[in-house]
N, C-alpha and C. Protein backbone atom coordinates (compact mmCIF):
# COMPACT_ATOMS: atom_id res chain seq x y z
N UNK A 1 2.84 11.51 -16.29
CA UNK A 1 2.02 12.45 -15.55
C UNK A 1 2.71 12.83 -14.25
N UNK A 2 2.43 14.05 -13.79
CA UNK A 2 3.04 14.53 -12.56
C UNK A 2 2.51 13.76 -11.35
N UNK A 3 3.25 13.88 -10.23
CA UNK A 3 2.81 13.27 -8.98
C UNK A 3 1.47 13.88 -8.58
N UNK A 4 0.58 13.04 -8.10
CA UNK A 4 -0.77 13.49 -7.75
C UNK A 4 -0.74 14.28 -6.45
N UNK A 5 -1.48 15.39 -6.43
CA UNK A 5 -1.63 16.17 -5.20
C UNK A 5 -3.08 16.60 -5.06
N UNK A 6 -3.48 16.84 -3.81
CA UNK A 6 -4.84 17.31 -3.54
C UNK A 6 -4.88 18.81 -3.82
N UNK A 7 -5.65 19.18 -4.81
CA UNK A 7 -5.85 20.58 -5.21
C UNK A 7 -7.08 20.60 -6.11
N UNK A 8 -7.47 21.78 -6.57
CA UNK A 8 -8.60 21.88 -7.49
C UNK A 8 -8.18 21.32 -8.86
N UNK A 9 -9.08 20.55 -9.46
CA UNK A 9 -8.85 19.98 -10.79
C UNK A 9 -10.11 20.15 -11.62
N UNK A 10 -9.93 20.32 -12.94
CA UNK A 10 -11.10 20.22 -13.80
C UNK A 10 -11.48 18.74 -13.84
N UNK A 11 -12.69 18.47 -14.25
CA UNK A 11 -13.11 17.07 -14.37
C UNK A 11 -12.20 16.33 -15.35
N UNK A 12 -11.82 17.00 -16.42
CA UNK A 12 -10.96 16.37 -17.42
C UNK A 12 -9.60 16.01 -16.82
N UNK A 13 -9.00 16.95 -16.09
CA UNK A 13 -7.69 16.69 -15.50
C UNK A 13 -7.73 15.51 -14.55
N UNK A 14 -8.72 15.51 -13.65
CA UNK A 14 -8.80 14.43 -12.67
C UNK A 14 -9.11 13.10 -13.34
N UNK A 15 -9.99 13.13 -14.32
CA UNK A 15 -10.33 11.90 -15.03
C UNK A 15 -9.11 11.30 -15.71
N UNK A 16 -8.24 12.13 -16.25
CA UNK A 16 -7.05 11.62 -16.91
C UNK A 16 -6.02 11.06 -15.93
N UNK A 17 -6.07 11.51 -14.68
CA UNK A 17 -5.23 10.87 -13.66
C UNK A 17 -5.72 9.45 -13.40
N UNK A 18 -7.04 9.29 -13.32
CA UNK A 18 -7.61 7.96 -13.05
C UNK A 18 -7.57 7.06 -14.29
N UNK A 19 -7.71 7.63 -15.46
CA UNK A 19 -7.77 6.85 -16.70
C UNK A 19 -6.80 7.41 -17.74
N UNK A 20 -5.50 7.29 -17.50
CA UNK A 20 -4.52 7.90 -18.41
C UNK A 20 -4.49 7.27 -19.80
N UNK A 21 -5.02 6.07 -19.96
CA UNK A 21 -4.99 5.42 -21.27
C UNK A 21 -6.33 5.52 -22.00
N UNK A 22 -7.23 6.34 -21.49
CA UNK A 22 -8.53 6.51 -22.16
C UNK A 22 -8.32 7.04 -23.57
N UNK A 23 -9.21 6.66 -24.47
CA UNK A 23 -9.09 7.08 -25.87
C UNK A 23 -9.16 8.59 -26.02
N UNK A 24 -9.99 9.22 -25.19
CA UNK A 24 -10.10 10.68 -25.23
C UNK A 24 -10.58 11.19 -23.88
N UNK A 25 -10.56 12.50 -23.70
CA UNK A 25 -10.93 13.06 -22.40
C UNK A 25 -12.41 12.82 -22.09
N UNK A 26 -13.24 12.84 -23.11
CA UNK A 26 -14.68 12.63 -22.88
C UNK A 26 -14.94 11.26 -22.27
N UNK A 27 -14.31 10.23 -22.79
CA UNK A 27 -14.54 8.89 -22.25
C UNK A 27 -13.95 8.77 -20.84
N UNK A 28 -12.83 9.44 -20.58
CA UNK A 28 -12.25 9.42 -19.23
C UNK A 28 -13.20 10.07 -18.23
N UNK A 29 -13.78 11.20 -18.60
CA UNK A 29 -14.72 11.90 -17.71
C UNK A 29 -15.96 11.03 -17.48
N UNK A 30 -16.47 10.41 -18.54
CA UNK A 30 -17.65 9.55 -18.39
C UNK A 30 -17.37 8.40 -17.43
N UNK A 31 -16.20 7.80 -17.53
CA UNK A 31 -15.85 6.68 -16.65
C UNK A 31 -15.71 7.15 -15.20
N UNK A 32 -15.04 8.29 -14.99
CA UNK A 32 -14.89 8.81 -13.62
C UNK A 32 -16.25 9.13 -13.02
N UNK A 33 -17.10 9.79 -13.78
CA UNK A 33 -18.42 10.14 -13.26
C UNK A 33 -19.26 8.90 -13.00
N UNK A 34 -19.08 7.87 -13.78
CA UNK A 34 -19.78 6.61 -13.54
C UNK A 34 -19.33 6.01 -12.21
N UNK A 35 -18.03 6.02 -11.96
CA UNK A 35 -17.52 5.52 -10.66
C UNK A 35 -18.11 6.32 -9.51
N UNK A 36 -18.12 7.65 -9.67
CA UNK A 36 -18.66 8.52 -8.61
C UNK A 36 -20.14 8.24 -8.39
N UNK A 37 -20.89 8.13 -9.47
CA UNK A 37 -22.33 7.92 -9.35
C UNK A 37 -22.70 6.55 -8.78
N UNK A 38 -21.81 5.58 -8.92
CA UNK A 38 -22.08 4.26 -8.37
C UNK A 38 -21.62 4.09 -6.93
N UNK A 39 -20.97 5.09 -6.39
CA UNK A 39 -20.52 5.05 -4.99
C UNK A 39 -21.40 6.01 -4.20
N UNK A 40 -22.46 5.46 -3.59
CA UNK A 40 -23.43 6.29 -2.88
C UNK A 40 -22.80 7.16 -1.80
N UNK A 41 -21.86 6.60 -1.03
CA UNK A 41 -21.23 7.36 0.05
C UNK A 41 -20.45 8.54 -0.51
N UNK A 42 -19.75 8.34 -1.61
CA UNK A 42 -18.99 9.42 -2.24
C UNK A 42 -19.93 10.47 -2.79
N UNK A 43 -20.93 10.06 -3.51
CA UNK A 43 -21.89 11.01 -4.09
C UNK A 43 -22.54 11.86 -3.00
N UNK A 44 -22.93 11.22 -1.89
CA UNK A 44 -23.54 11.93 -0.77
C UNK A 44 -22.56 12.93 -0.17
N UNK A 45 -21.31 12.51 0.00
CA UNK A 45 -20.29 13.38 0.55
C UNK A 45 -20.04 14.59 -0.35
N UNK A 46 -19.95 14.36 -1.66
CA UNK A 46 -19.74 15.47 -2.59
C UNK A 46 -20.90 16.46 -2.54
N UNK A 47 -22.11 15.95 -2.53
CA UNK A 47 -23.29 16.82 -2.49
C UNK A 47 -23.32 17.63 -1.20
N UNK A 48 -22.89 17.03 -0.10
CA UNK A 48 -22.87 17.72 1.19
C UNK A 48 -21.85 18.88 1.18
N UNK A 49 -20.85 18.78 0.32
CA UNK A 49 -19.84 19.83 0.23
C UNK A 49 -20.10 20.79 -0.94
N UNK A 50 -21.30 20.76 -1.50
CA UNK A 50 -21.69 21.74 -2.50
C UNK A 50 -21.44 21.37 -3.95
N UNK A 51 -21.09 20.11 -4.22
CA UNK A 51 -20.86 19.69 -5.60
C UNK A 51 -22.14 19.81 -6.41
N UNK A 52 -22.01 20.35 -7.61
CA UNK A 52 -23.12 20.45 -8.55
C UNK A 52 -22.76 19.65 -9.80
N UNK A 53 -23.71 18.89 -10.30
CA UNK A 53 -23.49 18.01 -11.45
C UNK A 53 -22.88 18.74 -12.65
N UNK A 54 -23.29 19.96 -12.88
CA UNK A 54 -22.83 20.70 -14.06
C UNK A 54 -21.49 21.41 -13.85
N UNK A 55 -20.93 21.30 -12.67
CA UNK A 55 -19.66 21.95 -12.38
C UNK A 55 -18.55 21.39 -13.27
N UNK A 56 -17.65 22.25 -13.69
CA UNK A 56 -16.51 21.84 -14.52
C UNK A 56 -15.29 21.51 -13.67
N UNK A 57 -15.32 21.89 -12.40
CA UNK A 57 -14.19 21.73 -11.49
C UNK A 57 -14.56 20.94 -10.26
N UNK A 58 -13.57 20.27 -9.69
CA UNK A 58 -13.68 19.70 -8.35
C UNK A 58 -12.81 20.55 -7.44
N UNK A 59 -13.37 20.97 -6.30
CA UNK A 59 -12.59 21.74 -5.33
C UNK A 59 -11.59 20.81 -4.64
N UNK A 60 -10.61 21.37 -3.95
CA UNK A 60 -9.68 20.51 -3.21
C UNK A 60 -10.40 19.59 -2.22
N UNK A 61 -11.43 20.08 -1.56
CA UNK A 61 -12.19 19.24 -0.62
C UNK A 61 -12.89 18.10 -1.34
N UNK A 62 -13.44 18.37 -2.51
CA UNK A 62 -14.10 17.33 -3.30
C UNK A 62 -13.08 16.30 -3.81
N UNK A 63 -11.91 16.77 -4.23
CA UNK A 63 -10.86 15.85 -4.67
C UNK A 63 -10.43 14.95 -3.52
N UNK A 64 -10.28 15.53 -2.34
CA UNK A 64 -9.91 14.75 -1.16
C UNK A 64 -10.94 13.65 -0.89
N UNK A 65 -12.20 13.99 -1.00
CA UNK A 65 -13.27 13.02 -0.80
C UNK A 65 -13.23 11.92 -1.85
N UNK A 66 -12.99 12.29 -3.09
CA UNK A 66 -12.90 11.29 -4.17
C UNK A 66 -11.76 10.33 -3.91
N UNK A 67 -10.61 10.86 -3.51
CA UNK A 67 -9.45 10.00 -3.22
C UNK A 67 -9.73 9.10 -2.02
N UNK A 68 -10.42 9.62 -1.01
CA UNK A 68 -10.75 8.80 0.16
C UNK A 68 -11.65 7.62 -0.20
N UNK A 69 -12.55 7.83 -1.16
CA UNK A 69 -13.50 6.77 -1.52
C UNK A 69 -13.01 5.86 -2.66
N UNK A 70 -12.28 6.44 -3.61
CA UNK A 70 -11.87 5.66 -4.78
C UNK A 70 -10.39 5.27 -4.75
N UNK A 71 -9.65 5.87 -3.86
CA UNK A 71 -8.21 5.62 -3.81
C UNK A 71 -7.48 6.64 -4.67
N UNK A 72 -6.18 6.75 -4.43
CA UNK A 72 -5.37 7.71 -5.19
C UNK A 72 -5.15 7.16 -6.60
N UNK A 73 -5.27 8.04 -7.59
CA UNK A 73 -5.06 7.57 -8.97
C UNK A 73 -3.62 7.17 -9.23
């Protein structure tokens, strides 16, 4: 996988950075969203920046927040 950079990513793309050995993209996304949902500070920060649950993309600002809370993949 390429070197990680802060930019807009689909949920699938970002999830595969965090879980490159996942059986499929669906399970990778489920695991990433589980991590996000269990981190109250991250979830609050994402919501404050306009994140919507049904969104298919994370903005660069949302990706930055995820990396700040979960660490770089």
